[in-house]
Amino acid sequence: MNRADRGAYILLLRLGRTRRLRIGALGILTFKPGWYVYVGSALNSLSARVARHLRLRKQKRWHIDYLRPAAERVSAFLLPSRRDRECALARKLRRIASDQVERFGSSDCACPSHLFFFAGEPARMAELRRFLRGSVPAGGEASVVSATASLTLVSIRS
């Protein structure tokens, strides 16, 4: 196991129109147009987990797998760490988000949600930029791994 390839990640997803989607056991949910920020973790194979979430064709396993195909733009931020910081990051995101999607991505913990709605583009929000900077370990750096018109993958390393 590569000890450096574990930690948390944040996915930014843009929905251009209202969507009604079946989200696994949560049932049919309505998603309004705008930006959604999802936080997850992988204690093994962080880069593989995020690459899987970014793919469109896959067997649906997690709530985010049902939402991903509806997104017209996706960005991923990798936050390598030896500790599981998923719930702590979700609590911080909840404070700056416009809204949350109840129980989404949090069926294995006590958090109310791991998916948050932002009316404006979160990557342009000073609060989210401060949040991401504060999530990078001291001495860490961020680099763009790959980018297209509809997808950006950023790796944040300590």
C-alpha atoms as a PDB file:
ATOM      1  CA  MET A   1       0.000   0.000   0.000  1.00  0.00           C
ATOM      2  CA  ASN A   2       1.282   3.466  -0.898  1.00  0.00           C
ATOM      3  CA  ARG A   3       0.949   5.432   2.360  1.00  0.00           C
ATOM      4  CA  ALA A   4       1.013   8.733   0.473  1.00  0.00           C
ATOM      5  CA  ASP A   5      -2.001   7.723  -1.641  1.00  0.00           C
ATOM      6  CA  ARG A   6      -4.678   8.105   1.003  1.00  0.00           C
ATOM      7  CA  GLY A   7      -6.692  10.949   2.425  1.00  0.00           C
ATOM      8  CA  ALA A   8      -9.729  13.045   1.558  1.00  0.00           C
ATOM      9  CA  TYR A   9     -10.985  14.561  -1.665  1.00  0.00           C
ATOM     10  CA  ILE A  10     -13.424  17.217  -2.727  1.00  0.00           C
ATOM     11  CA  LEU A  11     -15.449  17.067  -5.935  1.00  0.00           C
ATOM     12  CA  LEU A  12     -17.012  20.215  -7.404  1.00  0.00           C
ATOM     13  CA  LEU A  13     -19.910  19.398  -9.725  1.00  0.00           C
ATOM     14  CA  ARG A  14     -21.885  21.840 -11.893  1.00  0.00           C
ATOM     15  CA  LEU A  15     -25.489  21.080 -12.815  1.00  0.00           C
ATOM     16  CA  GLY A  16     -26.839  23.344 -15.548  1.00  0.00           C
ATOM     17  CA  ARG A  17     -30.498  22.553 -15.021  1.00  0.00           C
ATOM     18  CA  THR A  18     -32.869  21.009 -12.498  1.00  0.00           C
ATOM     19  CA  ARG A  19     -32.464  17.236 -12.361  1.00  0.00           C
ATOM     20  CA  ARG A  20     -34.558  14.520 -10.710  1.00  0.00           C
ATOM     21  CA  LEU A  21     -32.303  11.559 -10.069  1.00  0.00           C
ATOM     22  CA  ARG A  22     -32.560   8.220  -8.320  1.00  0.00           C
ATOM     23  CA  ILE A  23     -29.743   8.197  -5.771  1.00  0.00           C
ATOM     24  CA  GLY A  24     -29.475   4.584  -4.618  1.00  0.00           C
ATOM     25  CA  ALA A  25     -31.286   3.901  -1.346  1.00  0.00           C
ATOM     26  CA  LEU A  26     -32.020   7.629  -0.883  1.00  0.00           C
ATOM     27  CA  GLY A  27     -34.602   7.383  -3.674  1.00  0.00           C
ATOM     28  CA  ILE A  28     -35.492  10.125  -6.138  1.00  0.00           C
ATOM     29  CA  LEU A  29     -34.054  13.517  -5.255  1.00  0.00           C
ATOM     30  CA  THR A  30     -34.389  16.870  -7.010  1.00  0.00           C
ATOM     31  CA  PHE A  31     -31.194  18.826  -7.622  1.00  0.00           C
ATOM     32  CA  LYS A  32     -31.508  22.490  -8.531  1.00  0.00           C
ATOM     33  CA  PRO A  33     -29.084  24.060 -11.010  1.00  0.00           C
ATOM     34  CA  GLY A  34     -25.843  25.268  -9.499  1.00  0.00           C
ATOM     35  CA  TRP A  35     -22.688  23.938  -7.909  1.00  0.00           C
ATOM     36  CA  TYR A  36     -22.408  20.951  -5.596  1.00  0.00           C
ATOM     37  CA  VAL A  37     -19.388  20.175  -3.444  1.00  0.00           C
ATOM     38  CA  TYR A  38     -18.918  16.588  -2.301  1.00  0.00           C
ATOM     39  CA  VAL A  39     -16.385  15.449   0.278  1.00  0.00           C
ATOM     40  CA  GLY A  40     -15.174  11.874   0.529  1.00  0.00           C
ATOM     41  CA  SER A  41     -12.165   9.877   1.626  1.00  0.00           C
ATOM     42  CA  ALA A  42     -10.085   6.896   0.634  1.00  0.00           C
ATOM     43  CA  LEU A  43      -7.782   5.374   3.207  1.00  0.00           C
ATOM     44  CA  ASN A  44      -6.277   3.288   0.402  1.00  0.00           C
ATOM     45  CA  SER A  45      -5.772   4.324  -3.240  1.00  0.00           C
ATOM     46  CA  LEU A  46      -6.967   7.935  -3.075  1.00  0.00           C
ATOM     47  CA  SER A  47      -6.012   8.673  -6.675  1.00  0.00           C
ATOM     48  CA  ALA A  48      -7.805   5.540  -7.944  1.00  0.00           C
ATOM     49  CA  ARG A  49     -10.961   6.399  -5.970  1.00  0.00           C
ATOM     50  CA  VAL A  50     -11.112   9.901  -7.419  1.00  0.00           C
ATOM     51  CA  ALA A  51     -10.347   8.649 -10.944  1.00  0.00           C
ATOM     52  CA  ARG A  52     -13.260   6.211 -10.542  1.00  0.00           C
ATOM     53  CA  HIS A  53     -15.605   9.004  -9.427  1.00  0.00           C
ATOM     54  CA  LEU A  54     -14.632  11.067 -12.464  1.00  0.00           C
ATOM     55  CA  ARG A  55     -15.420   8.268 -14.933  1.00  0.00           C
ATOM     56  CA  LEU A  56     -18.907   8.212 -16.375  1.00  0.00           C
ATOM     57  CA  ARG A  57     -19.113   4.480 -17.063  1.00  0.00           C
ATOM     58  CA  LYS A  58     -18.991   2.353 -13.932  1.00  0.00           C
ATOM     59  CA  GLN A  59     -21.116   0.229 -11.672  1.00  0.00           C
ATOM     60  CA  LYS A  60     -22.911   2.492  -9.215  1.00  0.00           C
ATOM     61  CA  ARG A  61     -21.753   1.917  -5.654  1.00  0.00           C
ATOM     62  CA  TRP A  62     -21.775   5.275  -3.826  1.00  0.00           C
ATOM     63  CA  HIS A  63     -24.322   8.107  -3.851  1.00  0.00           C
ATOM     64  CA  ILE A  64     -21.942  10.289  -5.876  1.00  0.00           C
ATOM     65  CA  ASP A  65     -21.927   7.673  -8.675  1.00  0.00           C
ATOM     66  CA  TYR A  66     -25.588   8.506  -9.350  1.00  0.00           C
ATOM     67  CA  LEU A  67     -25.042  12.272  -9.429  1.00  0.00           C
ATOM     68  CA  ARG A  68     -21.799  12.343 -11.445  1.00  0.00           C
ATOM     69  CA  PRO A  69     -23.359  11.650 -14.909  1.00  0.00           C
ATOM     70  CA  ALA A  70     -25.684  14.668 -14.507  1.00  0.00           C
ATOM     71  CA  ALA A  71     -22.769  17.072 -13.961  1.00  0.00           C
ATOM     72  CA  GLU A  72     -21.609  19.117 -16.935  1.00  0.00           C
ATOM     73  CA  ARG A  73     -18.395  20.175 -15.169  1.00  0.00           C
ATOM     74  CA  VAL A  74     -16.366  18.396 -12.506  1.00  0.00           C
ATOM     75  CA  SER A  75     -13.237  19.374 -10.599  1.00  0.00           C
ATOM     76  CA  ALA A  76     -11.454  17.192  -8.061  1.00  0.00           C
ATOM     77  CA  PHE A  77      -9.156  18.269  -5.243  1.00  0.00           C
ATOM     78  CA  LEU A  78      -7.062  15.577  -3.565  1.00  0.00           C
ATOM     79  CA  LEU A  79      -6.086  16.193   0.051  1.00  0.00           C
ATOM     80  CA  PRO A  80      -3.587  13.462   0.995  1.00  0.00           C
ATOM     81  CA  SER A  81      -3.421  12.696   4.710  1.00  0.00           C
ATOM     82  CA  ARG A  82      -2.684   9.798   7.017  1.00  0.00           C
ATOM     83  CA  ARG A  83      -5.784  10.704   9.028  1.00  0.00           C
ATOM     84  CA  ASP A  84      -9.424  10.342   8.013  1.00  0.00           C
ATOM     85  CA  ARG A  85     -10.535  13.986   7.704  1.00  0.00           C
ATOM     86  CA  GLU A  86     -13.736  13.433   5.696  1.00  0.00           C
ATOM     87  CA  CYS A  87     -16.228  14.336   8.431  1.00  0.00           C
ATOM     88  CA  ALA A  88     -14.185  17.295   9.692  1.00  0.00           C
ATOM     89  CA  LEU A  89     -14.077  18.671   6.140  1.00  0.00           C
ATOM     90  CA  ALA A  90     -17.833  18.102   5.770  1.00  0.00           C
ATOM     91  CA  ARG A  91     -18.491  20.089   8.970  1.00  0.00           C
ATOM     92  CA  LYS A  92     -16.380  22.980   7.646  1.00  0.00           C
ATOM     93  CA  LEU A  93     -18.085  22.915   4.237  1.00  0.00           C
ATOM     94  CA  ARG A  94     -21.499  22.922   5.878  1.00  0.00           C
ATOM     95  CA  ARG A  95     -20.688  26.302   7.480  1.00  0.00           C
ATOM     96  CA  ILE A  96     -19.997  28.026   4.144  1.00  0.00           C
ATOM     97  CA  ALA A  97     -22.488  26.252   1.858  1.00  0.00           C
ATOM     98  CA  SER A  98     -25.865  27.660   0.799  1.00  0.00           C
ATOM     99  CA  ASP A  99     -27.577  24.329   1.487  1.00  0.00           C
ATOM    100  CA  GLN A 100     -26.952  20.596   1.820  1.00  0.00           C
ATOM    101  CA  VAL A 101     -28.489  17.415   0.433  1.00  0.00           C
ATOM    102  CA  GLU A 102     -29.604  15.484   3.499  1.00  0.00           C
ATOM    103  CA  ARG A 103     -27.957  12.061   4.091  1.00  0.00           C
ATOM    104  CA  PHE A 104     -26.056  12.199   0.773  1.00  0.00           C
ATOM    105  CA  GLY A 105     -22.721  10.430   1.127  1.00  0.00           C
ATOM    106  CA  SER A 106     -23.009  10.107   4.878  1.00  0.00           C
ATOM    107  CA  SER A 107     -24.709   6.751   5.391  1.00  0.00           C
ATOM    108  CA  ASP A 108     -21.600   5.406   7.167  1.00  0.00           C
ATOM    109  CA  CYS A 109     -21.244   8.263   9.685  1.00  0.00           C
ATOM    110  CA  ALA A 110     -23.296  10.643  11.842  1.00  0.00           C
ATOM    111  CA  CYS A 111     -22.903  13.668   9.524  1.00  0.00           C
ATOM    112  CA  PRO A 112     -26.128  15.135   8.110  1.00  0.00           C
ATOM    113  CA  SER A 113     -24.547  15.264   4.627  1.00  0.00           C
ATOM    114  CA  HIS A 114     -21.362  15.146   2.595  1.00  0.00           C
ATOM    115  CA  LEU A 115     -22.892  17.009  -0.386  1.00  0.00           C
ATOM    116  CA  PHE A 116     -23.316  20.773  -0.262  1.00  0.00           C
ATOM    117  CA  PHE A 117     -24.972  23.261  -2.598  1.00  0.00           C
ATOM    118  CA  PHE A 118     -23.476  26.606  -3.608  1.00  0.00           C
ATOM    119  CA  ALA A 119     -25.497  29.104  -5.631  1.00  0.00           C
ATOM    120  CA  GLY A 120     -22.341  30.625  -7.160  1.00  0.00           C
ATOM    121  CA  GLU A 121     -19.210  28.949  -8.470  1.00  0.00           C
ATOM    122  CA  PRO A 122     -17.436  27.736  -5.312  1.00  0.00           C
ATOM    123  CA  ALA A 123     -13.950  27.841  -6.854  1.00  0.00           C
ATOM    124  CA  ARG A 124     -14.358  31.618  -7.183  1.00  0.00           C
ATOM    125  CA  MET A 125     -15.538  32.050  -3.600  1.00  0.00           C
ATOM    126  CA  ALA A 126     -12.908  33.452  -1.259  1.00  0.00           C
ATOM    127  CA  GLU A 127     -14.376  31.328   1.561  1.00  0.00           C
ATOM    128  CA  LEU A 128     -13.811  28.074  -0.323  1.00  0.00           C
ATOM    129  CA  ARG A 129     -10.307  29.103  -1.393  1.00  0.00           C
ATOM    130  CA  ARG A 130      -9.480  29.838   2.270  1.00  0.00           C
ATOM    131  CA  PHE A 131     -11.067  26.514   3.209  1.00  0.00           C
ATOM    132  CA  LEU A 132      -8.915  24.619   0.701  1.00  0.00           C
ATOM    133  CA  ARG A 133      -5.759  26.481   1.735  1.00  0.00           C
ATOM    134  CA  GLY A 134      -6.540  25.644   5.355  1.00  0.00           C
ATOM    135  CA  SER A 135      -6.949  21.977   4.395  1.00  0.00           C
ATOM    136  CA  VAL A 136      -3.446  21.697   2.956  1.00  0.00           C
ATOM    137  CA  PRO A 137      -0.909  20.493   5.512  1.00  0.00           C
ATOM    138  CA  ALA A 138       1.887  22.935   6.411  1.00  0.00           C
ATOM    139  CA  GLY A 139       4.452  22.998   3.636  1.00  0.00           C
ATOM    140  CA  GLY A 140       1.976  21.449   1.180  1.00  0.00           C
ATOM    141  CA  GLU A 141       1.303  22.536  -2.374  1.00  0.00           C
ATOM    142  CA  ALA A 142      -1.400  22.184  -4.993  1.00  0.00           C
ATOM    143  CA  SER A 143      -0.828  21.299  -8.620  1.00  0.00           C
ATOM    144  CA  VAL A 144      -3.152  20.724 -11.550  1.00  0.00           C
ATOM    145  CA  VAL A 145      -2.830  17.091 -12.616  1.00  0.00           C
ATOM    146  CA  SER A 146      -5.100  17.305 -15.647  1.00  0.00           C
ATOM    147  CA  ALA A 147      -7.641  19.724 -17.042  1.00  0.00           C
ATOM    148  CA  THR A 148     -10.152  19.910 -19.887  1.00  0.00           C
ATOM    149  CA  ALA A 149     -13.045  22.253 -20.584  1.00  0.00           C
ATOM    150  CA  SER A 150     -15.251  20.149 -18.331  1.00  0.00           C
ATOM    151  CA  LEU A 151     -12.814  18.518 -15.894  1.00  0.00           C
ATOM    152  CA  THR A 152     -10.009  19.642 -13.622  1.00  0.00           C
ATOM    153  CA  LEU A 153      -8.034  17.374 -11.327  1.00  0.00           C
ATOM    154  CA  VAL A 154      -5.913  19.089  -8.695  1.00  0.00           C
ATOM    155  CA  SER A 155      -3.571  17.237  -6.393  1.00  0.00           C
ATOM    156  CA  ILE A 156      -2.662  18.856  -3.090  1.00  0.00           C
ATOM    157  CA  ARG A 157       0.491  17.368  -1.611  1.00  0.00           C
ATOM    158  CA  SER A 158       2.188  17.767   1.719  1.00  0.00           C
END
